[in-house]
Structures are given as structure tokens and as C-alpha cells.
Amino acid sequence: MFGKVTLDDENKCKLHEELNKLVSWAQKWKMEVMHRGNKNNKFSCEMNGKVLEKVLVEKDLGIMISSDVKSSQQCVVACNKANRVLEMTGRLA
């Protein structure tokens, strides 16, 4: 869906179809917006007339992704999980 697009009738139709697929897919999932970059104006985004929620951190496939692209939050989550496992194994011994 990304790349240079020449807006002839065929490409307009393809673009419209792809956008319709995206909207259809998005209706099945909770859609959010994560703004990245210092020069990002952080505009509000809408889909089907609904303003999408802005988030600073998102968990995807078990990985914490933050808008500043730092791994510190992921490290805290992993450390806490490891400490809980260690605590549980200490109780069993």
C-alpha cells in the first residue's frame, strides 16, 4: 500500500479497495495511534468518524513497544516476571 502512486483511474480504484480493506479489518480490532518522532505534530486520527485513541506504549506479540522506541519498559516487565518466577521457585524448594 506504500510507494509512489500515479493517480490514474485504475490506481484510484486499487487505492480505494485497499483503504476499504483496512477499514474493514480495523472494525474487528481496537485501533490506536502511536506517534513517534520529535517533529511529529501528533494530529488526531479518525477512522469511520471515530477519533482513535493515542497511546505511548503498546504490547504486540509479548513485546512492549514505546513511542520513544526505548526498551526500558520491556526490561522492567521482563525483570518483574523473572522475579515472580524466582519467588515461586524459592517457595517450592
PDB file of N, CA and C in Angstrom:
ATOM      1  N   MET A   1       0.821  -1.186   0.000  1.00  0.00           N
ATOM      2  CA  MET A   1       0.000   0.000   0.000  1.00  0.00           C
ATOM      3  C   MET A   1       0.867   1.252   0.000  1.00  0.00           C
ATOM      4  N   PHE A   2       2.159   1.122   0.305  1.00  0.00           N
ATOM      5  CA  PHE A   2       3.044   2.272   0.328  1.00  0.00           C
ATOM      6  C   PHE A   2       3.836   2.332  -0.968  1.00  0.00           C
ATOM      7  N   GLY A   3       4.262   3.503  -1.333  1.00  0.00           N
ATOM      8  CA  GLY A   3       5.069   3.675  -2.533  1.00  0.00           C
ATOM      9  C   GLY A   3       4.521   4.795  -3.378  1.00  0.00           C
ATOM     10  N   LYS A   4       5.155   5.010  -4.503  1.00  0.00           N
ATOM     11  CA  LYS A   4       4.721   6.060  -5.416  1.00  0.00           C
ATOM     12  C   LYS A   4       3.464   5.606  -6.141  1.00  0.00           C
ATOM     13  N   VAL A   5       2.477   6.460  -6.171  1.00  0.00           N
ATOM     14  CA  VAL A   5       1.206   6.128  -6.810  1.00  0.00           C
ATOM     15  C   VAL A   5       0.892   7.172  -7.861  1.00  0.00           C
ATOM     16  N   THR A   6       0.688   6.701  -9.081  1.00  0.00           N
ATOM     17  CA  THR A   6       0.202   7.575 -10.140  1.00  0.00           C
ATOM     18  C   THR A   6      -1.312   7.482 -10.099  1.00  0.00           C
ATOM     19  N   LEU A   7      -1.969   8.606  -9.932  1.00  0.00           N
ATOM     20  CA  LEU A   7      -3.408   8.583  -9.697  1.00  0.00           C
ATOM     21  C   LEU A   7      -4.216   8.548 -10.990  1.00  0.00           C
ATOM     22  N   ASP A   8      -4.070   7.458 -11.740  1.00  0.00           N
ATOM     23  CA  ASP A   8      -4.974   7.241 -12.857  1.00  0.00           C
ATOM     24  C   ASP A   8      -6.188   6.489 -12.317  1.00  0.00           C
ATOM     25  N   ASP A   9      -7.170   6.241 -13.150  1.00  0.00           N
ATOM     26  CA  ASP A   9      -8.412   5.617 -12.679  1.00  0.00           C
ATOM     27  C   ASP A   9      -8.183   4.233 -12.076  1.00  0.00           C
ATOM     28  N   GLU A  10      -7.282   3.454 -12.678  1.00  0.00           N
ATOM     29  CA  GLU A  10      -7.025   2.109 -12.162  1.00  0.00           C
ATOM     30  C   GLU A  10      -6.401   2.161 -10.768  1.00  0.00           C
ATOM     31  N   ASN A  11      -5.416   3.058 -10.576  1.00  0.00           N
ATOM     32  CA  ASN A  11      -4.764   3.169  -9.273  1.00  0.00           C
ATOM     33  C   ASN A  11      -5.687   3.769  -8.220  1.00  0.00           C
ATOM     34  N   LYS A  12      -6.545   4.683  -8.615  1.00  0.00           N
ATOM     35  CA  LYS A  12      -7.526   5.231  -7.667  1.00  0.00           C
ATOM     36  C   LYS A  12      -8.443   4.127  -7.167  1.00  0.00           C
ATOM     37  N   CYS A  13      -8.852   3.253  -8.067  1.00  0.00           N
ATOM     38  CA  CYS A  13      -9.742   2.147  -7.701  1.00  0.00           C
ATOM     39  C   CYS A  13      -9.014   1.184  -6.763  1.00  0.00           C
ATOM     40  N   LYS A  14      -7.744   0.847  -7.070  1.00  0.00           N
ATOM     41  CA  LYS A  14      -6.965  -0.051  -6.212  1.00  0.00           C
ATOM     42  C   LYS A  14      -6.761   0.562  -4.825  1.00  0.00           C
ATOM     43  N   LEU A  15      -6.433   1.849  -4.792  1.00  0.00           N
ATOM     44  CA  LEU A  15      -6.228   2.530  -3.513  1.00  0.00           C
ATOM     45  C   LEU A  15      -7.512   2.509  -2.695  1.00  0.00           C
ATOM     46  N   HIS A  16      -8.631   2.779  -3.334  1.00  0.00           N
ATOM     47  CA  HIS A  16      -9.927   2.772  -2.653  1.00  0.00           C
ATOM     48  C   HIS A  16     -10.228   1.376  -2.090  1.00  0.00           C
ATOM     49  N   GLU A  17      -9.940   0.331  -2.871  1.00  0.00           N
ATOM     50  CA  GLU A  17     -10.170  -1.037  -2.415  1.00  0.00           C
ATOM     51  C   GLU A  17      -9.296  -1.354  -1.195  1.00  0.00           C
ATOM     52  N   GLU A  18      -8.019  -0.953  -1.247  1.00  0.00           N
ATOM     53  CA  GLU A  18      -7.109  -1.220  -0.131  1.00  0.00           C
ATOM     54  C   GLU A  18      -7.546  -0.468   1.130  1.00  0.00           C
ATOM     55  N   LEU A  19      -7.990   0.760   0.974  1.00  0.00           N
ATOM     56  CA  LEU A  19      -8.474   1.517   2.132  1.00  0.00           C
ATOM     57  C   LEU A  19      -9.729   0.886   2.714  1.00  0.00           C
ATOM     58  N   ASN A  20     -10.610   0.390   1.862  1.00  0.00           N
ATOM     59  CA  ASN A  20     -11.809  -0.302   2.344  1.00  0.00           C
ATOM     60  C   ASN A  20     -11.442  -1.571   3.115  1.00  0.00           C
ATOM     61  N   LYS A  21     -10.422  -2.305   2.635  1.00  0.00           N
ATOM     62  CA  LYS A  21      -9.959  -3.495   3.353  1.00  0.00           C
ATOM     63  C   LYS A  21      -9.411  -3.116   4.720  1.00  0.00           C
ATOM     64  N   LEU A  22      -8.658  -2.020   4.760  1.00  0.00           N
ATOM     65  CA  LEU A  22      -8.080  -1.566   6.022  1.00  0.00           C
ATOM     66  C   LEU A  22      -9.171  -1.187   7.014  1.00  0.00           C
ATOM     67  N   VAL A  23     -10.165  -0.467   6.565  1.00  0.00           N
ATOM     68  CA  VAL A  23     -11.272  -0.062   7.440  1.00  0.00           C
ATOM     69  C   VAL A  23     -12.037  -1.290   7.918  1.00  0.00           C
ATOM     70  N   SER A  24     -12.273  -2.242   7.030  1.00  0.00           N
ATOM     71  CA  SER A  24     -12.981  -3.468   7.406  1.00  0.00           C
ATOM     72  C   SER A  24     -12.195  -4.242   8.459  1.00  0.00           C
ATOM     73  N   TRP A  25     -10.888  -4.360   8.270  1.00  0.00           N
ATOM     74  CA  TRP A  25     -10.036  -5.053   9.242  1.00  0.00           C
ATOM     75  C   TRP A  25     -10.033  -4.310  10.572  1.00  0.00           C
ATOM     76  N   ALA A  26      -9.960  -2.986  10.514  1.00  0.00           N
ATOM     77  CA  ALA A  26      -9.873  -2.172  11.729  1.00  0.00           C
ATOM     78  C   ALA A  26     -11.142  -2.255  12.570  1.00  0.00           C
ATOM     79  N   GLN A  27     -12.268  -2.498  11.935  1.00  0.00           N
ATOM     80  CA  GLN A  27     -13.513  -2.592  12.682  1.00  0.00           C
ATOM     81  C   GLN A  27     -13.536  -3.828  13.577  1.00  0.00           C
ATOM     82  N   LYS A  28     -12.707  -4.822  13.271  1.00  0.00           N
ATOM     83  CA  LYS A  28     -12.643  -6.046  14.070  1.00  0.00           C
ATOM     84  C   LYS A  28     -11.693  -5.911  15.250  1.00  0.00           C
ATOM     85  N   TRP A  29     -10.843  -4.899  15.245  1.00  0.00           N
ATOM     86  CA  TRP A  29      -9.807  -4.733  16.254  1.00  0.00           C
ATOM     87  C   TRP A  29      -9.891  -3.356  16.882  1.00  0.00           C
ATOM     88  N   LYS A  30      -9.327  -3.246  18.081  1.00  0.00           N
ATOM     89  CA  LYS A  30      -9.243  -1.949  18.754  1.00  0.00           C
ATOM     90  C   LYS A  30      -8.082  -1.183  18.115  1.00  0.00           C
ATOM     91  N   MET A  31      -8.379  -0.124  17.442  1.00  0.00           N
ATOM     92  CA  MET A  31      -7.355   0.652  16.740  1.00  0.00           C
ATOM     93  C   MET A  31      -6.871   1.801  17.626  1.00  0.00           C
ATOM     94  N   GLU A  32      -5.567   1.980  17.659  1.00  0.00           N
ATOM     95  CA  GLU A  32      -4.943   3.057  18.426  1.00  0.00           C
ATOM     96  C   GLU A  32      -3.875   3.707  17.567  1.00  0.00           C
ATOM     97  N   VAL A  33      -3.432   4.886  17.988  1.00  0.00           N
ATOM     98  CA  VAL A  33      -2.387   5.611  17.266  1.00  0.00           C
ATOM     99  C   VAL A  33      -1.204   5.813  18.196  1.00  0.00           C
ATOM    100  N   MET A  34      -0.014   5.519  17.694  1.00  0.00           N
ATOM    101  CA  MET A  34       1.209   5.809  18.435  1.00  0.00           C
ATOM    102  C   MET A  34       2.031   6.773  17.588  1.00  0.00           C
ATOM    103  N   HIS A  35       2.239   7.963  18.115  1.00  0.00           N
ATOM    104  CA  HIS A  35       3.037   8.966  17.420  1.00  0.00           C
ATOM    105  C   HIS A  35       4.501   8.785  17.782  1.00  0.00           C
ATOM    106  N   ARG A  36       5.355   8.805  16.775  1.00  0.00           N
ATOM    107  CA  ARG A  36       6.787   8.641  17.007  1.00  0.00           C
ATOM    108  C   ARG A  36       7.529   9.798  16.353  1.00  0.00           C
ATOM    109  N   GLY A  37       8.643  10.176  16.960  1.00  0.00           N
ATOM    110  CA  GLY A  37       9.491  11.215  16.394  1.00  0.00           C
ATOM    111  C   GLY A  37       9.288  12.554  17.065  1.00  0.00           C
ATOM    112  N   ASN A  38      10.360  13.306  17.160  1.00  0.00           N
ATOM    113  CA  ASN A  38      10.303  14.617  17.817  1.00  0.00           C
ATOM    114  C   ASN A  38       9.557  15.650  17.001  1.00  0.00           C
ATOM    115  N   LYS A  39       9.576  15.520  15.697  1.00  0.00           N
ATOM    116  CA  LYS A  39       8.945  16.523  14.831  1.00  0.00           C
ATOM    117  C   LYS A  39       7.517  16.147  14.439  1.00  0.00           C
ATOM    118  N   ASN A  40       6.980  15.120  15.070  1.00  0.00           N
ATOM    119  CA  ASN A  40       5.629  14.672  14.782  1.00  0.00           C
ATOM    120  C   ASN A  40       4.638  15.663  15.394  1.00  0.00           C
ATOM    121  N   ASN A  41       3.692  16.133  14.604  1.00  0.00           N
ATOM    122  CA  ASN A  41       2.702  17.103  15.082  1.00  0.00           C
ATOM    123  C   ASN A  41       1.615  16.470  15.945  1.00  0.00           C
ATOM    124  N   LYS A  42       1.573  15.156  16.008  1.00  0.00           N
ATOM    125  CA  LYS A  42       0.626  14.416  16.848  1.00  0.00           C
ATOM    126  C   LYS A  42      -0.830  14.807  16.600  1.00  0.00           C
ATOM    127  N   PHE A  43      -1.190  14.831  15.345  1.00  0.00           N
ATOM    128  CA  PHE A  43      -2.566  15.135  14.969  1.00  0.00           C
ATOM    129  C   PHE A  43      -3.497  14.025  15.432  1.00  0.00           C
ATOM    130  N   SER A  44      -4.741  14.368  15.654  1.00  0.00           N
ATOM    131  CA  SER A  44      -5.755  13.358  15.945  1.00  0.00           C
ATOM    132  C   SER A  44      -6.058  12.603  14.658  1.00  0.00           C
ATOM    133  N   CYS A  45      -6.267  11.300  14.781  1.00  0.00           N
ATOM    134  CA  CYS A  45      -6.591  10.475  13.622  1.00  0.00           C
ATOM    135  C   CYS A  45      -7.995   9.913  13.801  1.00  0.00           C
ATOM    136  N   GLU A  46      -8.713   9.841  12.716  1.00  0.00           N
ATOM    137  CA  GLU A  46     -10.076   9.316  12.742  1.00  0.00           C
ATOM    138  C   GLU A  46     -10.196   8.165  11.759  1.00  0.00           C
ATOM    139  N   MET A  47     -11.081   7.225  12.095  1.00  0.00           N
ATOM    140  CA  MET A  47     -11.431   6.166  11.171  1.00  0.00           C
ATOM    141  C   MET A  47     -12.919   5.920  11.319  1.00  0.00           C
ATOM    142  N   ASN A  48     -13.625   6.026  10.226  1.00  0.00           N
ATOM    143  CA  ASN A  48     -15.086   5.901  10.226  1.00  0.00           C
ATOM    144  C   ASN A  48     -15.733   6.885  11.183  1.00  0.00           C
ATOM    145  N   GLY A  49     -15.204   8.099  11.271  1.00  0.00           N
ATOM    146  CA  GLY A  49     -15.779   9.142  12.106  1.00  0.00           C
ATOM    147  C   GLY A  49     -15.450   9.037  13.576  1.00  0.00           C
ATOM    148  N   LYS A  50     -14.645   8.043  13.979  1.00  0.00           N
ATOM    149  CA  LYS A  50     -14.262   7.885  15.381  1.00  0.00           C
ATOM    150  C   LYS A  50     -12.807   8.298  15.554  1.00  0.00           C
ATOM    151  N   VAL A  51     -12.547   9.107  16.573  1.00  0.00           N
ATOM    152  CA  VAL A  51     -11.185   9.523  16.870  1.00  0.00           C
ATOM    153  C   VAL A  51     -10.457   8.349  17.509  1.00  0.00           C
ATOM    154  N   LEU A  52      -9.279   8.016  16.978  1.00  0.00           N
ATOM    155  CA  LEU A  52      -8.504   6.898  17.503  1.00  0.00           C
ATOM    156  C   LEU A  52      -7.747   7.325  18.750  1.00  0.00           C
ATOM    157  N   GLU A  53      -7.700   6.437  19.734  1.00  0.00           N
ATOM    158  CA  GLU A  53      -7.021   6.710  20.999  1.00  0.00           C
ATOM    159  C   GLU A  53      -5.513   6.782  20.773  1.00  0.00           C
ATOM    160  N   LYS A  54      -4.863   7.750  21.421  1.00  0.00           N
ATOM    161  CA  LYS A  54      -3.414   7.883  21.347  1.00  0.00           C
ATOM    162  C   LYS A  54      -2.799   7.091  22.490  1.00  0.00           C
ATOM    163  N   VAL A  55      -1.739   6.331  22.190  1.00  0.00           N
ATOM    164  CA  VAL A  55      -1.056   5.533  23.204  1.00  0.00           C
ATOM    165  C   VAL A  55       0.439   5.831  23.158  1.00  0.00           C
ATOM    166  N   LEU A  56       1.097   5.656  24.307  1.00  0.00           N
ATOM    167  CA  LEU A  56       2.542   5.837  24.387  1.00  0.00           C
ATOM    168  C   LEU A  56       3.271   4.502  24.348  1.00  0.00           C
ATOM    169  N   VAL A  57       2.583   3.430  24.785  1.00  0.00           N
ATOM    170  CA  VAL A  57       3.175   2.094  24.818  1.00  0.00           C
ATOM    171  C   VAL A  57       2.143   1.104  24.304  1.00  0.00           C
ATOM    172  N   GLU A  58       2.602   0.135  23.527  1.00  0.00           N
ATOM    173  CA  GLU A  58       1.721  -0.898  23.001  1.00  0.00           C
ATOM    174  C   GLU A  58       2.414  -2.245  23.165  1.00  0.00           C
ATOM    175  N   LYS A  59       1.654  -3.250  23.555  1.00  0.00           N
ATOM    176  CA  LYS A  59       2.199  -4.597  23.666  1.00  0.00           C
ATOM    177  C   LYS A  59       1.738  -5.380  22.449  1.00  0.00           C
ATOM    178  N   ASP A  60       2.711  -5.915  21.690  1.00  0.00           N
ATOM    179  CA  ASP A  60       2.400  -6.663  20.490  1.00  0.00           C
ATOM    180  C   ASP A  60       3.279  -7.914  20.466  1.00  0.00           C
ATOM    181  N   LEU A  61       2.677  -9.072  20.377  1.00  0.00           N
ATOM    182  CA  LEU A  61       3.389 -10.352  20.390  1.00  0.00           C
ATOM    183  C   LEU A  61       4.280 -10.489  21.621  1.00  0.00           C
ATOM    184  N   GLY A  62       3.814  -9.950  22.753  1.00  0.00           N
ATOM    185  CA  GLY A  62       4.543 -10.056  24.009  1.00  0.00           C
ATOM    186  C   GLY A  62       5.663  -9.050  24.182  1.00  0.00           C
ATOM    187  N   ILE A  63       5.845  -8.172  23.221  1.00  0.00           N
ATOM    188  CA  ILE A  63       6.913  -7.167  23.273  1.00  0.00           C
ATOM    189  C   ILE A  63       6.294  -5.793  23.511  1.00  0.00           C
ATOM    190  N   MET A  64       6.864  -5.059  24.476  1.00  0.00           N
ATOM    191  CA  MET A  64       6.404  -3.695  24.754  1.00  0.00           C
ATOM    192  C   MET A  64       7.106  -2.738  23.791  1.00  0.00           C
ATOM    193  N   ILE A  65       6.325  -2.003  23.026  1.00  0.00           N
ATOM    194  CA  ILE A  65       6.862  -1.026  22.084  1.00  0.00           C
ATOM    195  C   ILE A  65       6.422   0.346  22.557  1.00  0.00           C
ATOM    196  N   SER A  66       7.385   1.250  22.752  1.00  0.00           N
ATOM    197  CA  SER A  66       7.046   2.591  23.225  1.00  0.00           C
ATOM    198  C   SER A  66       7.260   3.614  22.124  1.00  0.00           C
ATOM    199  N   SER A  67       6.610   4.740  22.265  1.00  0.00           N
ATOM    200  CA  SER A  67       6.701   5.781  21.241  1.00  0.00           C
ATOM    201  C   SER A  67       8.105   6.354  21.127  1.00  0.00           C
ATOM    202  N   ASP A  68       8.908   6.243  22.194  1.00  0.00           N
ATOM    203  CA  ASP A  68      10.293   6.723  22.117  1.00  0.00           C
ATOM    204  C   ASP A  68      11.248   5.608  21.687  1.00  0.00           C
ATOM    205  N   VAL A  69      10.726   4.428  21.399  1.00  0.00           N
ATOM    206  CA  VAL A  69      11.456   3.269  20.890  1.00  0.00           C
ATOM    207  C   VAL A  69      12.570   2.822  21.834  1.00  0.00           C
ATOM    208  N   LYS A  70      12.419   3.078  23.114  1.00  0.00           N
ATOM    209  CA  LYS A  70      13.382   2.606  24.104  1.00  0.00           C
ATOM    210  C   LYS A  70      12.859   1.297  24.687  1.00  0.00           C
ATOM    211  N   SER A  71      13.780   0.441  25.094  1.00  0.00           N
ATOM    212  CA  SER A  71      13.387  -0.877  25.589  1.00  0.00           C
ATOM    213  C   SER A  71      13.238  -0.917  27.105  1.00  0.00           C
ATOM    214  N   SER A  72      13.324   0.215  27.779  1.00  0.00           N
ATOM    215  CA  SER A  72      13.308   0.212  29.244  1.00  0.00           C
ATOM    216  C   SER A  72      12.029  -0.396  29.808  1.00  0.00           C
ATOM    217  N   GLN A  73      10.893  -0.100  29.240  1.00  0.00           N
ATOM    218  CA  GLN A  73       9.630  -0.648  29.751  1.00  0.00           C
ATOM    219  C   GLN A  73       9.593  -2.160  29.561  1.00  0.00           C
ATOM    220  N   GLN A  74      10.096  -2.645  28.419  1.00  0.00           N
ATOM    221  CA  GLN A  74      10.159  -4.082  28.169  1.00  0.00           C
ATOM    222  C   GLN A  74      11.067  -4.750  29.193  1.00  0.00           C
ATOM    223  N   CYS A  75      12.177  -4.112  29.522  1.00  0.00           N
ATOM    224  CA  CYS A  75      13.118  -4.661  30.505  1.00  0.00           C
ATOM    225  C   CYS A  75      12.477  -4.746  31.888  1.00  0.00           C
ATOM    226  N   VAL A  76      11.721  -3.738  32.272  1.00  0.00           N
ATOM    227  CA  VAL A  76      11.043  -3.742  33.577  1.00  0.00           C
ATOM    228  C   VAL A  76      10.032  -4.888  33.637  1.00  0.00           C
ATOM    229  N   VAL A  77       9.271  -5.058  32.581  1.00  0.00           N
ATOM    230  CA  VAL A  77       8.276  -6.137  32.541  1.00  0.00           C
ATOM    231  C   VAL A  77       8.967  -7.497  32.642  1.00  0.00           C
ATOM    232  N   ALA A  78      10.035  -7.695  31.885  1.00  0.00           N
ATOM    233  CA  ALA A  78      10.752  -8.973  31.900  1.00  0.00           C
ATOM    234  C   ALA A  78      11.381  -9.227  33.268  1.00  0.00           C
ATOM    235  N   CYS A  79      11.952  -8.199  33.877  1.00  0.00           N
ATOM    236  CA  CYS A  79      12.581  -8.331  35.187  1.00  0.00           C
ATOM    237  C   CYS A  79      11.543  -8.704  36.250  1.00  0.00           C
ATOM    238  N   ASN A  80      10.409  -8.033  36.226  1.00  0.00           N
ATOM    239  CA  ASN A  80       9.342  -8.340  37.195  1.00  0.00           C
ATOM    240  C   ASN A  80       8.845  -9.774  37.038  1.00  0.00           C
ATOM    241  N   LYS A  81       8.708 -10.204  35.794  1.00  0.00           N
ATOM    242  CA  LYS A  81       8.255 -11.569  35.537  1.00  0.00           C
ATOM    243  C   LYS A  81       9.284 -12.577  36.047  1.00  0.00           C
ATOM    244  N   ALA A  82      10.559 -12.329  35.789  1.00  0.00           N
ATOM    245  CA  ALA A  82      11.622 -13.218  36.259  1.00  0.00           C
ATOM    246  C   ALA A  82      11.655 -13.268  37.789  1.00  0.00           C
ATOM    247  N   ASN A  83      11.471 -12.125  38.438  1.00  0.00           N
ATOM    248  CA  ASN A  83      11.456 -12.092  39.902  1.00  0.00           C
ATOM    249  C   ASN A  83      10.292 -12.892  40.472  1.00  0.00           C
ATOM    250  N   ARG A  84       9.131 -12.823  39.812  1.00  0.00           N
ATOM    251  CA  ARG A  84       7.975 -13.608  40.272  1.00  0.00           C
ATOM    252  C   ARG A  84       8.265 -15.106  40.157  1.00  0.00           C
ATOM    253  N   VAL A  85       8.904 -15.519  39.069  1.00  0.00           N
ATOM    254  CA  VAL A  85       9.243 -16.936  38.879  1.00  0.00           C
ATOM    255  C   VAL A  85      10.248 -17.372  39.939  1.00  0.00           C
ATOM    256  N   LEU A  86      11.270 -16.548  40.191  1.00  0.00           N
ATOM    257  CA  LEU A  86      12.251 -16.871  41.217  1.00  0.00           C
ATOM    258  C   LEU A  86      11.606 -16.978  42.595  1.00  0.00           C
ATOM    259  N   GLU A  87      10.689 -16.077  42.874  1.00  0.00           N
ATOM    260  CA  GLU A  87       9.989 -16.096  44.160  1.00  0.00           C
ATOM    261  C   GLU A  87       9.182 -17.378  44.302  1.00  0.00           C
ATOM    262  N   MET A  88       8.525 -17.779  43.226  1.00  0.00           N
ATOM    263  CA  MET A  88       7.724 -19.003  43.271  1.00  0.00           C
ATOM    264  C   MET A  88       8.605 -20.242  43.435  1.00  0.00           C
ATOM    265  N   THR A  89       9.740 -20.283  42.755  1.00  0.00           N
ATOM    266  CA  THR A  89      10.618 -21.449  42.871  1.00  0.00           C
ATOM    267  C   THR A  89      11.242 -21.517  44.263  1.00  0.00           C
ATOM    268  N   GLY A  90      11.481 -20.352  44.889  1.00  0.00           N
ATOM    269  CA  GLY A  90      12.012 -20.327  46.246  1.00  0.00           C
ATOM    270  C   GLY A  90      11.027 -20.890  47.249  1.00  0.00           C
ATOM    271  N   ARG A  91       9.755 -20.671  46.995  1.00  0.00           N
ATOM    272  CA  ARG A  91       8.725 -21.206  47.894  1.00  0.00           C
ATOM    273  C   ARG A  91       8.600 -22.712  47.771  1.00  0.00           C
ATOM    274  N   LEU A  92       8.864 -23.236  46.585  1.00  0.00           N
ATOM    275  CA  LEU A  92       8.717 -24.667  46.338  1.00  0.00           C
ATOM    276  C   LEU A  92       9.880 -25.468  46.903  1.00  0.00           C
ATOM    277  N   ALA A  93      11.034 -24.817  47.036  1.00  0.00           N
ATOM    278  CA  ALA A  93      12.231 -25.556  47.480  1.00  0.00           C
ATOM    279  C   ALA A  93      12.210 -25.844  48.957  1.00  0.00           C
TER     280      ALA A  93
END
